[in-house]
Amino acid sequence: MSSTAVEARAEGGRHAVDLTRGISATWWYTATAVLFFELVLGTVWAVIWRTVPESASGFILVGGAALVWVGATLPLLSAYRGRTEVAPLTTLRQLPALLIATACAVVLLAVTGSALWPTVMVAQSIALLNWPRGIRLRVVTLLTVALVCCWLVDARLLAPQLAAESAGWVASVYSVLLPAMSVTSLWWWDVLVALDRARTAEARLAATQERLRVATDVHDLQGHHLQVIALQLELAEKLMPRDPEMSLEQVRAARASVAEATQGTRDLAATFRAVPLGDELANARDLLKAAGIAVTLRLAPDDEPAPGLGSASRSDSVPLFHGAPARVLGPIVRETTTNVLRHGGGGWANLSLDRVADDWRYTIENDRGANASERNDGAGLEGIRRRAGEVGGSVEVHRGGDVFALTVLIPAEGNR
């Protein structure tokens, strides 16, 4: 991985809040789905019981108990969101919710005499606890079997009252499947959390590997020169009493070694800073793809890279772009990539680099975010204009509908 990749990941870290918001949105979608399942089921229960003869007022108790049960699910979902593998099955915050769900089940049993409906309330609360991996499936299976048994009991006891109610069968099937549907929704959340943790771990590992590589290069460079300098100075010290001229020669050699070490360090630093332009573009594409953006990268036809752009052997497959001012275009590519992540709509982006007469033309276009400003270009675009202006280049910005496009023309090396 090049130093630009590390810098790109650092830029990506600045957008961790945006990614967290995306994960939070998924959580609220998941939690809302579970609550919606329960609310619909509770409404169906109340409507069904409203039609039962001599039970016109009972639907109020049924509906009220269902609403309280839905509210008691909130602490269970809240605790589930922050759960870990080593966390206990239940916490003190969950116990009141379990007691409330049990109380609602007792009320429902007393009013309706149904075995299925009260059992669903308790089964749903049990399914939302922090069961260890592999255990949850067994628990949900057992709960589903228990609910089917309760359904069979209700089919015998409540058949005379609800035989004419086709909605009763729908509600029964829905009740039996509720824990499984809820756990399936939460399973998707678990998958998202696992992927997000893997992404974070991958970024940290990549940064660590890059630091280790830099440390190894510095160690090899400086270790060699320091060892040579130490030997030269030691020899000078031994020769000083017998042969001052030779001793002075060794001191001069040590000084030359110091200069070589200094220049080697500068060259090493320049190597990390001067990343090939092909790597810059590949890093930009990979970073945008990692953020979930559909990316198209088009390069100059005569410098088209071999298949495998963006692979582990990137340095062997990226185009060289002879004459392209990488020192100027590199920071511009990084800045525009950051702007797409920060201000873009997050749907798509197109990048291209080609040769136009004596200039290199870099273009990036993307869908605009909902909060994109019409007038304020921001410091990012000002910095791009300044970099391009310093070398005689130009910048053109186009805003049309939901599309934002930026075109940068930079004179080729040797034409300035």
Protein backbone atom coordinates (compact mmCIF):
# COMPACT_ATOMS: atom_id res chain seq x y z
CA MET A 1 0.00 0.00 0.00
CA SER A 2 1.34 3.44 -0.91
CA SER A 3 1.49 6.42 1.38
CA THR A 4 -1.43 7.89 -0.53
CA ALA A 5 -3.52 4.91 0.49
CA VAL A 6 -2.75 5.64 4.12
CA GLU A 7 -3.58 9.29 3.59
CA ALA A 8 -6.79 8.31 1.82
CA ARG A 9 -7.78 6.15 4.75
CA ALA A 10 -7.00 9.05 7.07
CA GLU A 11 -9.29 11.20 4.95
CA GLY A 12 -11.86 8.44 5.20
CA GLY A 13 -11.53 8.59 8.97
CA ARG A 14 -12.77 12.17 8.84
CA HIS A 15 -16.00 10.81 7.40
CA ALA A 16 -16.45 8.22 10.15
CA VAL A 17 -19.36 10.29 11.39
CA ASP A 18 -21.09 9.91 8.02
CA LEU A 19 -20.54 6.16 8.05
CA THR A 20 -21.79 5.99 11.62
CA ARG A 21 -24.89 7.87 10.57
CA GLY A 22 -25.46 5.30 7.85
CA ILE A 23 -25.15 2.47 10.37
CA SER A 24 -27.46 4.29 12.76
CA ALA A 25 -30.02 4.72 9.98
CA THR A 26 -29.89 0.98 9.36
CA TRP A 27 -30.41 0.33 13.06
CA TRP A 28 -33.44 2.58 13.23
CA TYR A 29 -34.84 0.89 10.16
CA THR A 30 -34.35 -2.51 11.83
CA ALA A 31 -35.78 -1.45 15.18
CA THR A 32 -38.73 0.28 13.51
CA ALA A 33 -39.47 -2.89 11.54
CA VAL A 34 -39.60 -4.96 14.75
CA LEU A 35 -41.85 -2.42 16.48
CA PHE A 36 -44.04 -2.23 13.36
CA PHE A 37 -44.48 -6.02 13.40
CA GLU A 38 -45.65 -5.85 17.00
CA LEU A 39 -47.89 -2.83 16.47
CA VAL A 40 -49.65 -4.42 13.50
CA LEU A 41 -50.16 -7.64 15.43
CA GLY A 42 -51.53 -5.80 18.47
CA THR A 43 -53.92 -3.83 16.25
CA VAL A 44 -55.20 -7.02 14.62
CA TRP A 45 -55.77 -8.56 18.06
CA ALA A 46 -57.81 -5.56 19.18
CA VAL A 47 -59.86 -5.48 15.97
CA ILE A 48 -60.59 -9.20 16.17
CA TRP A 49 -61.67 -9.03 19.79
CA ARG A 50 -63.90 -6.06 19.00
CA THR A 51 -65.99 -8.35 16.78
CA VAL A 52 -66.46 -11.00 19.45
CA PRO A 53 -70.03 -10.90 20.85
CA GLU A 54 -70.35 -9.42 24.34
CA SER A 55 -66.72 -8.29 24.23
CA ALA A 56 -67.09 -4.82 22.72
CA SER A 57 -65.24 -3.19 25.60
CA GLY A 58 -62.58 -5.88 25.81
CA PHE A 59 -60.77 -4.60 22.74
CA ILE A 60 -59.73 -1.51 24.73
CA LEU A 61 -57.88 -3.67 27.24
CA VAL A 62 -56.42 -5.79 24.43
CA GLY A 63 -55.28 -2.74 22.48
CA GLY A 64 -53.91 -1.05 25.60
CA ALA A 65 -51.98 -4.14 26.64
CA ALA A 66 -50.56 -4.41 23.11
CA LEU A 67 -49.41 -0.78 23.13
CA VAL A 68 -47.72 -1.19 26.51
CA TRP A 69 -46.05 -4.35 25.22
CA VAL A 70 -44.72 -2.49 22.17
CA GLY A 71 -43.35 0.23 24.46
CA ALA A 72 -41.67 -2.40 26.67
CA THR A 73 -39.81 -3.66 23.60
CA LEU A 74 -37.87 -0.39 23.30
CA PRO A 75 -35.45 -1.09 26.22
CA LEU A 76 -34.87 -4.60 24.86
CA LEU A 77 -33.97 -3.25 21.43
CA SER A 78 -31.80 -0.52 22.95
CA ALA A 79 -29.82 -3.10 24.90
CA TYR A 80 -29.54 -5.31 21.81
CA ARG A 81 -27.98 -2.51 19.77
CA GLY A 82 -24.95 -2.27 22.03
CA ARG A 83 -24.65 -5.95 22.86
CA THR A 84 -21.39 -7.89 22.77
CA GLU A 85 -20.57 -11.58 22.70
CA VAL A 86 -19.39 -11.53 26.33
CA ALA A 87 -22.34 -9.52 27.68
CA PRO A 88 -24.77 -11.29 30.04
CA LEU A 89 -28.07 -12.69 28.81
CA THR A 90 -30.06 -9.94 30.53
CA THR A 91 -29.23 -6.63 32.19
CA LEU A 92 -30.94 -4.63 34.92
CA ARG A 93 -32.33 -2.30 32.26
CA GLN A 94 -34.06 -5.24 30.56
CA LEU A 95 -35.67 -6.77 33.63
CA PRO A 96 -38.48 -4.15 33.94
CA ALA A 97 -39.27 -4.63 30.25
CA LEU A 98 -39.55 -8.40 30.74
CA LEU A 99 -41.83 -7.91 33.77
CA ILE A 100 -44.02 -5.45 31.86
CA ALA A 101 -44.33 -7.86 28.92
CA THR A 102 -45.29 -10.64 31.32
CA ALA A 103 -47.90 -8.41 32.98
CA CYS A 104 -49.38 -7.53 29.57
CA ALA A 105 -49.54 -11.24 28.75
CA VAL A 106 -51.46 -11.90 31.97
CA VAL A 107 -53.94 -9.14 31.11
CA LEU A 108 -54.40 -10.51 27.61
CA LEU A 109 -54.91 -14.03 28.97
CA ALA A 110 -57.54 -12.81 31.44
CA VAL A 111 -59.45 -10.81 28.82
CA THR A 112 -59.31 -13.13 25.81
CA GLY A 113 -58.63 -16.56 27.23
CA SER A 114 -56.25 -17.11 24.32
CA ALA A 115 -53.10 -19.14 24.90
CA LEU A 116 -51.34 -17.91 21.75
CA TRP A 117 -51.54 -14.16 22.11
CA PRO A 118 -50.11 -13.85 25.65
CA THR A 119 -47.41 -16.40 24.81
CA VAL A 120 -46.32 -14.30 21.83
CA MET A 121 -45.62 -11.34 24.11
CA VAL A 122 -43.37 -13.38 26.38
CA ALA A 123 -41.75 -15.28 23.49
CA GLN A 124 -40.93 -12.05 21.65
CA SER A 125 -39.23 -10.57 24.73
CA ILE A 126 -37.23 -13.77 25.27
CA ALA A 127 -36.09 -13.82 21.63
CA LEU A 128 -34.69 -10.28 21.93
CA LEU A 129 -32.32 -11.15 24.79
CA ASN A 130 -28.57 -11.42 24.27
CA TRP A 131 -28.37 -15.11 23.44
CA PRO A 132 -24.91 -16.48 22.56
CA ARG A 133 -24.10 -17.29 18.97
CA GLY A 134 -25.68 -20.56 17.91
CA ILE A 135 -28.08 -20.59 20.85
CA ARG A 136 -30.47 -17.98 19.48
CA LEU A 137 -31.56 -20.21 16.58
CA ARG A 138 -32.41 -23.05 18.95
CA VAL A 139 -34.29 -20.71 21.27
CA VAL A 140 -36.34 -19.24 18.42
CA THR A 141 -37.09 -22.73 17.11
CA LEU A 142 -38.36 -23.86 20.51
CA LEU A 143 -40.41 -20.68 20.90
CA THR A 144 -41.96 -21.20 17.46
CA VAL A 145 -42.87 -24.79 18.36
CA ALA A 146 -44.43 -23.58 21.61
CA LEU A 147 -46.45 -20.96 19.73
CA VAL A 148 -47.71 -23.59 17.27
CA CYS A 149 -48.89 -25.69 20.24
CA CYS A 150 -50.67 -22.65 21.68
CA TRP A 151 -52.27 -22.07 18.30
CA LEU A 152 -53.64 -25.62 18.31
CA VAL A 153 -55.05 -25.04 21.77
CA ASP A 154 -56.74 -21.84 20.64
CA ALA A 155 -58.16 -23.61 17.58
CA ARG A 156 -60.13 -25.83 19.92
CA LEU A 157 -61.06 -23.38 22.69
CA LEU A 158 -61.74 -20.24 20.66
CA ALA A 159 -63.03 -21.83 17.47
CA PRO A 160 -66.71 -21.18 18.27
CA GLN A 161 -66.03 -17.47 18.82
CA LEU A 162 -63.61 -16.83 15.97
CA ALA A 163 -64.68 -19.37 13.37
CA ALA A 164 -66.22 -16.62 11.26
CA GLU A 165 -63.14 -14.45 11.54
CA SER A 166 -60.75 -15.17 8.70
CA ALA A 167 -58.48 -12.49 10.18
CA GLY A 168 -58.04 -14.77 13.18
CA TRP A 169 -56.09 -17.27 11.09
CA VAL A 170 -53.94 -14.51 9.63
CA ALA A 171 -53.26 -13.16 13.12
CA SER A 172 -52.39 -16.64 14.34
CA VAL A 173 -49.88 -17.28 11.55
CA TYR A 174 -48.41 -13.82 12.08
CA SER A 175 -48.18 -14.46 15.84
CA VAL A 176 -46.37 -17.76 15.36
CA LEU A 177 -43.83 -16.22 12.99
CA LEU A 178 -43.26 -12.95 14.91
CA PRO A 179 -40.17 -14.04 16.93
CA ALA A 180 -38.55 -15.55 13.82
CA MET A 181 -39.24 -12.41 11.74
CA SER A 182 -37.86 -10.14 14.46
CA VAL A 183 -34.71 -12.20 14.96
CA THR A 184 -34.14 -12.31 11.19
CA SER A 185 -34.27 -8.50 11.07
CA LEU A 186 -31.80 -8.28 13.95
CA TRP A 187 -29.55 -10.83 12.25
CA TRP A 188 -29.13 -8.43 9.32
CA TRP A 189 -28.10 -5.77 11.83
CA ASP A 190 -25.54 -8.17 13.31
CA VAL A 191 -24.13 -8.77 9.83
CA LEU A 192 -23.80 -5.02 9.23
CA VAL A 193 -22.03 -4.52 12.56
CA ALA A 194 -19.62 -7.37 11.76
CA LEU A 195 -18.85 -5.87 8.34
CA ASP A 196 -18.30 -2.42 9.84
CA ARG A 197 -15.94 -3.84 12.46
CA ALA A 198 -14.07 -5.73 9.74
CA ARG A 199 -13.75 -2.54 7.70
CA THR A 200 -12.37 -0.66 10.70
CA ALA A 201 -9.96 -3.47 11.53
CA GLU A 202 -8.78 -3.60 7.90
CA ALA A 203 -8.08 0.13 7.89
CA ARG A 204 -6.14 -0.09 11.14
CA LEU A 205 -4.19 -3.11 9.92
CA ALA A 206 -3.31 -1.38 6.65
CA ALA A 207 -2.08 1.70 8.52
CA THR A 208 -0.06 -0.49 10.90
CA GLN A 209 1.51 -2.43 8.04
CA GLU A 210 2.44 0.82 6.29
CA ARG A 211 4.04 2.18 9.47
CA LEU A 212 5.99 -1.06 9.89
CA ARG A 213 7.19 -0.87 6.30
CA VAL A 214 8.31 2.73 6.76
CA ALA A 215 10.03 1.82 10.03
CA THR A 216 11.81 -1.08 8.30
CA ASP A 217 13.02 1.14 5.46
CA VAL A 218 14.26 3.80 7.88
CA HIS A 219 15.94 1.15 10.04
CA ASP A 220 17.70 -0.43 7.08
CA LEU A 221 18.86 2.94 5.72
CA GLN A 222 19.96 4.59 8.92
CA GLY A 223 21.24 1.39 10.52
CA HIS A 224 23.66 0.81 7.69
CA HIS A 225 24.98 4.37 7.62
CA LEU A 226 25.24 4.66 11.41
CA GLN A 227 27.19 1.43 11.60
CA VAL A 228 29.61 2.63 8.91
CA ILE A 229 30.01 6.01 10.64
CA ALA A 230 30.69 4.32 13.98
CA LEU A 231 33.41 2.13 12.44
CA GLN A 232 34.99 5.09 10.66
CA LEU A 233 35.08 7.20 13.83
CA GLU A 234 36.44 4.27 15.85
CA LEU A 235 39.20 3.80 13.31
CA ALA A 236 39.95 7.53 13.33
CA GLU A 237 40.25 7.40 17.12
CA LYS A 238 42.75 4.53 16.94
CA LEU A 239 44.82 6.13 14.17
CA MET A 240 44.97 9.59 15.72
CA PRO A 241 48.10 8.95 17.91
CA ARG A 242 50.04 7.14 15.14
CA ASP A 243 48.82 8.65 11.86
CA PRO A 244 46.91 11.94 12.20
CA GLU A 245 46.57 12.31 8.42
CA MET A 246 44.86 8.94 8.05
CA SER A 247 42.75 9.69 11.09
CA LEU A 248 41.63 12.96 9.52
CA GLU A 249 40.80 11.06 6.33
CA GLN A 250 38.54 8.74 8.30
CA VAL A 251 36.80 11.72 9.89
CA ARG A 252 36.18 13.16 6.42
CA ALA A 253 34.81 9.77 5.32
CA ALA A 254 32.50 9.72 8.34
CA ARG A 255 31.27 13.19 7.47
CA ALA A 256 30.59 12.04 3.93
CA SER A 257 28.66 9.07 5.33
CA VAL A 258 26.56 11.49 7.39
CA ALA A 259 25.78 13.44 4.23
CA GLU A 260 24.83 10.22 2.44
CA ALA A 261 22.56 9.23 5.31
CA THR A 262 20.91 12.64 5.26
CA GLN A 263 20.37 12.52 1.52
CA GLY A 264 19.08 8.95 1.76
CA THR A 265 16.53 10.03 4.35
CA ARG A 266 15.40 12.88 2.11
CA ASP A 267 15.11 10.52 -0.86
CA LEU A 268 13.10 8.09 1.24
CA ALA A 269 10.73 10.83 2.34
CA ALA A 270 10.39 12.04 -1.24
CA THR A 271 9.53 8.50 -2.32
CA PHE A 272 6.61 8.40 0.09
CA ARG A 273 5.41 11.84 -0.90
CA ALA A 274 5.78 11.45 -4.67
CA VAL A 275 3.22 8.76 -5.37
CA PRO A 276 2.65 7.83 -9.05
CA LEU A 277 -0.42 9.47 -10.50
CA GLY A 278 -1.84 6.08 -11.46
CA ASP A 279 -1.72 5.04 -7.81
CA GLU A 280 -3.48 8.26 -6.82
CA LEU A 281 -6.35 7.55 -9.20
CA ALA A 282 -6.57 3.90 -8.21
CA ASN A 283 -6.59 4.86 -4.52
CA ALA A 284 -9.34 7.40 -5.19
CA ARG A 285 -11.41 4.79 -6.98
CA ASP A 286 -10.92 2.20 -4.24
CA LEU A 287 -11.79 4.68 -1.49
CA LEU A 288 -15.00 5.76 -3.22
CA LYS A 289 -15.97 2.14 -3.81
CA ALA A 290 -15.35 1.37 -0.14
CA ALA A 291 -17.83 4.13 0.71
CA GLY A 292 -20.49 2.41 -1.42
CA ILE A 293 -20.23 4.73 -4.42
CA ALA A 294 -20.43 3.35 -7.97
CA VAL A 295 -17.20 4.54 -9.62
CA THR A 296 -16.11 4.71 -13.26
CA LEU A 297 -12.42 5.43 -13.91
CA ARG A 298 -11.39 6.34 -17.47
CA LEU A 299 -7.71 6.88 -18.32
CA ALA A 300 -5.84 8.17 -21.35
CA PRO A 301 -6.01 5.51 -24.11
CA ASP A 302 -2.27 5.50 -24.75
CA ASP A 303 -1.59 4.96 -21.05
CA GLU A 304 -4.32 2.41 -20.38
CA PRO A 305 -3.14 0.16 -17.51
CA ALA A 306 -2.92 -3.57 -17.78
CA PRO A 307 -5.71 -5.59 -16.10
CA GLY A 308 -5.40 -5.58 -12.35
CA LEU A 309 -5.45 -1.86 -11.58
CA GLY A 310 -5.87 -1.51 -7.87
CA SER A 311 -4.53 -4.96 -7.03
CA ALA A 312 -1.77 -5.78 -4.59
CA SER A 313 0.80 -5.40 -7.36
CA ARG A 314 -0.50 -2.00 -8.31
CA SER A 315 2.90 -0.47 -8.96
CA ASP A 316 3.43 -2.98 -11.81
CA SER A 317 0.09 -2.33 -13.51
CA VAL A 318 -0.70 1.37 -13.19
CA PRO A 319 0.01 3.71 -16.11
CA LEU A 320 3.01 6.00 -15.97
CA PHE A 321 1.38 9.06 -17.53
CA HIS A 322 4.63 10.43 -18.96
CA GLY A 323 4.60 14.20 -18.78
CA ALA A 324 1.66 14.35 -16.38
CA PRO A 325 2.36 16.73 -13.47
CA ALA A 326 1.78 14.28 -10.62
CA ARG A 327 3.04 16.82 -8.07
CA VAL A 328 0.10 19.08 -8.93
CA LEU A 329 -2.57 16.59 -9.95
CA GLY A 330 -1.96 14.21 -7.04
CA PRO A 331 -3.22 16.60 -4.32
CA ILE A 332 -6.07 17.66 -6.61
CA VAL A 333 -7.20 14.03 -6.99
CA ARG A 334 -7.12 13.58 -3.21
CA GLU A 335 -9.00 16.82 -2.56
CA THR A 336 -11.73 16.11 -5.11
CA THR A 337 -12.16 12.59 -3.73
CA THR A 338 -12.64 14.08 -0.28
CA ASN A 339 -15.20 16.52 -1.65
CA VAL A 340 -17.20 13.68 -3.23
CA LEU A 341 -17.29 11.85 0.10
CA ARG A 342 -18.18 14.98 2.03
CA HIS A 343 -20.61 16.80 -0.27
CA GLY A 344 -21.68 14.23 -2.87
CA GLY A 345 -24.94 12.35 -2.93
CA GLY A 346 -23.15 9.04 -2.42
CA GLY A 347 -24.62 7.33 -5.50
CA TRP A 348 -22.06 7.54 -8.30
CA ALA A 349 -18.88 9.25 -9.46
CA ASN A 350 -16.96 9.37 -12.75
CA LEU A 351 -13.21 10.11 -12.91
CA SER A 352 -11.13 10.58 -16.04
CA LEU A 353 -7.64 11.70 -16.99
CA ASP A 354 -6.60 12.27 -20.59
CA ARG A 355 -4.24 14.30 -22.72
CA VAL A 356 -5.61 17.32 -24.60
CA ALA A 357 -2.99 18.91 -26.89
CA ASP A 358 -0.28 20.18 -24.53
CA ASP A 359 -2.42 19.86 -21.39
CA TRP A 360 -3.56 17.10 -19.09
CA ARG A 361 -7.28 17.19 -18.34
CA TYR A 362 -8.62 15.72 -15.11
CA THR A 363 -12.41 15.52 -14.75
CA ILE A 364 -14.54 14.29 -11.88
CA GLU A 365 -18.31 14.37 -11.76
CA ASN A 366 -20.74 13.02 -9.20
CA ASP A 367 -24.30 13.29 -7.97
CA ARG A 368 -24.86 16.20 -5.61
CA GLY A 369 -25.87 15.82 -1.99
CA ALA A 370 -29.14 17.23 -0.68
CA ASN A 371 -27.30 19.88 1.36
CA ALA A 372 -24.89 20.97 -1.39
CA SER A 373 -24.56 24.75 -1.54
CA GLU A 374 -25.15 26.64 -4.77
CA ARG A 375 -22.74 29.48 -4.04
CA ASN A 376 -20.22 28.45 -1.43
CA ASP A 377 -17.37 26.58 -3.14
CA GLY A 378 -15.52 26.11 0.13
CA ALA A 379 -11.81 26.04 0.88
CA GLY A 380 -11.35 22.79 -1.06
CA LEU A 381 -12.16 24.27 -4.47
CA GLU A 382 -10.21 27.42 -3.65
CA GLY A 383 -7.17 25.27 -2.91
CA ILE A 384 -7.61 23.42 -6.22
CA ARG A 385 -7.80 26.73 -8.12
CA ARG A 386 -4.69 27.96 -6.34
CA ARG A 387 -2.69 24.81 -7.17
CA ALA A 388 -3.75 24.89 -10.81
CA GLY A 389 -3.10 28.64 -11.11
CA GLU A 390 0.44 28.30 -9.78
CA VAL A 391 1.42 26.19 -12.81
CA GLY A 392 -0.65 28.04 -15.39
CA GLY A 393 -3.62 25.68 -15.29
CA SER A 394 -7.36 26.36 -15.10
CA VAL A 395 -10.36 25.01 -13.23
CA GLU A 396 -13.93 24.82 -14.50
CA VAL A 397 -16.88 24.03 -12.22
CA HIS A 398 -20.27 23.00 -13.56
CA ARG A 399 -23.44 22.53 -11.55
CA GLY A 400 -26.44 21.22 -13.41
CA GLY A 401 -29.42 19.76 -11.64
CA ASP A 402 -28.22 16.90 -9.48
CA VAL A 403 -24.78 16.69 -11.12
CA PHE A 404 -21.57 18.42 -10.03
CA ALA A 405 -18.60 18.37 -12.42
CA LEU A 406 -15.05 19.68 -12.00
CA THR A 407 -12.55 19.92 -14.86
CA VAL A 408 -8.90 20.79 -14.30
CA LEU A 409 -6.46 21.58 -17.13
CA ILE A 410 -2.76 21.41 -16.24
CA PRO A 411 0.09 22.01 -18.72
CA ALA A 412 2.22 18.94 -19.29
CA GLU A 413 5.72 18.79 -17.87
CA GLY A 414 8.10 20.76 -20.08
CA ASN A 415 5.35 22.98 -21.51
CA ARG A 416 5.39 25.45 -18.65
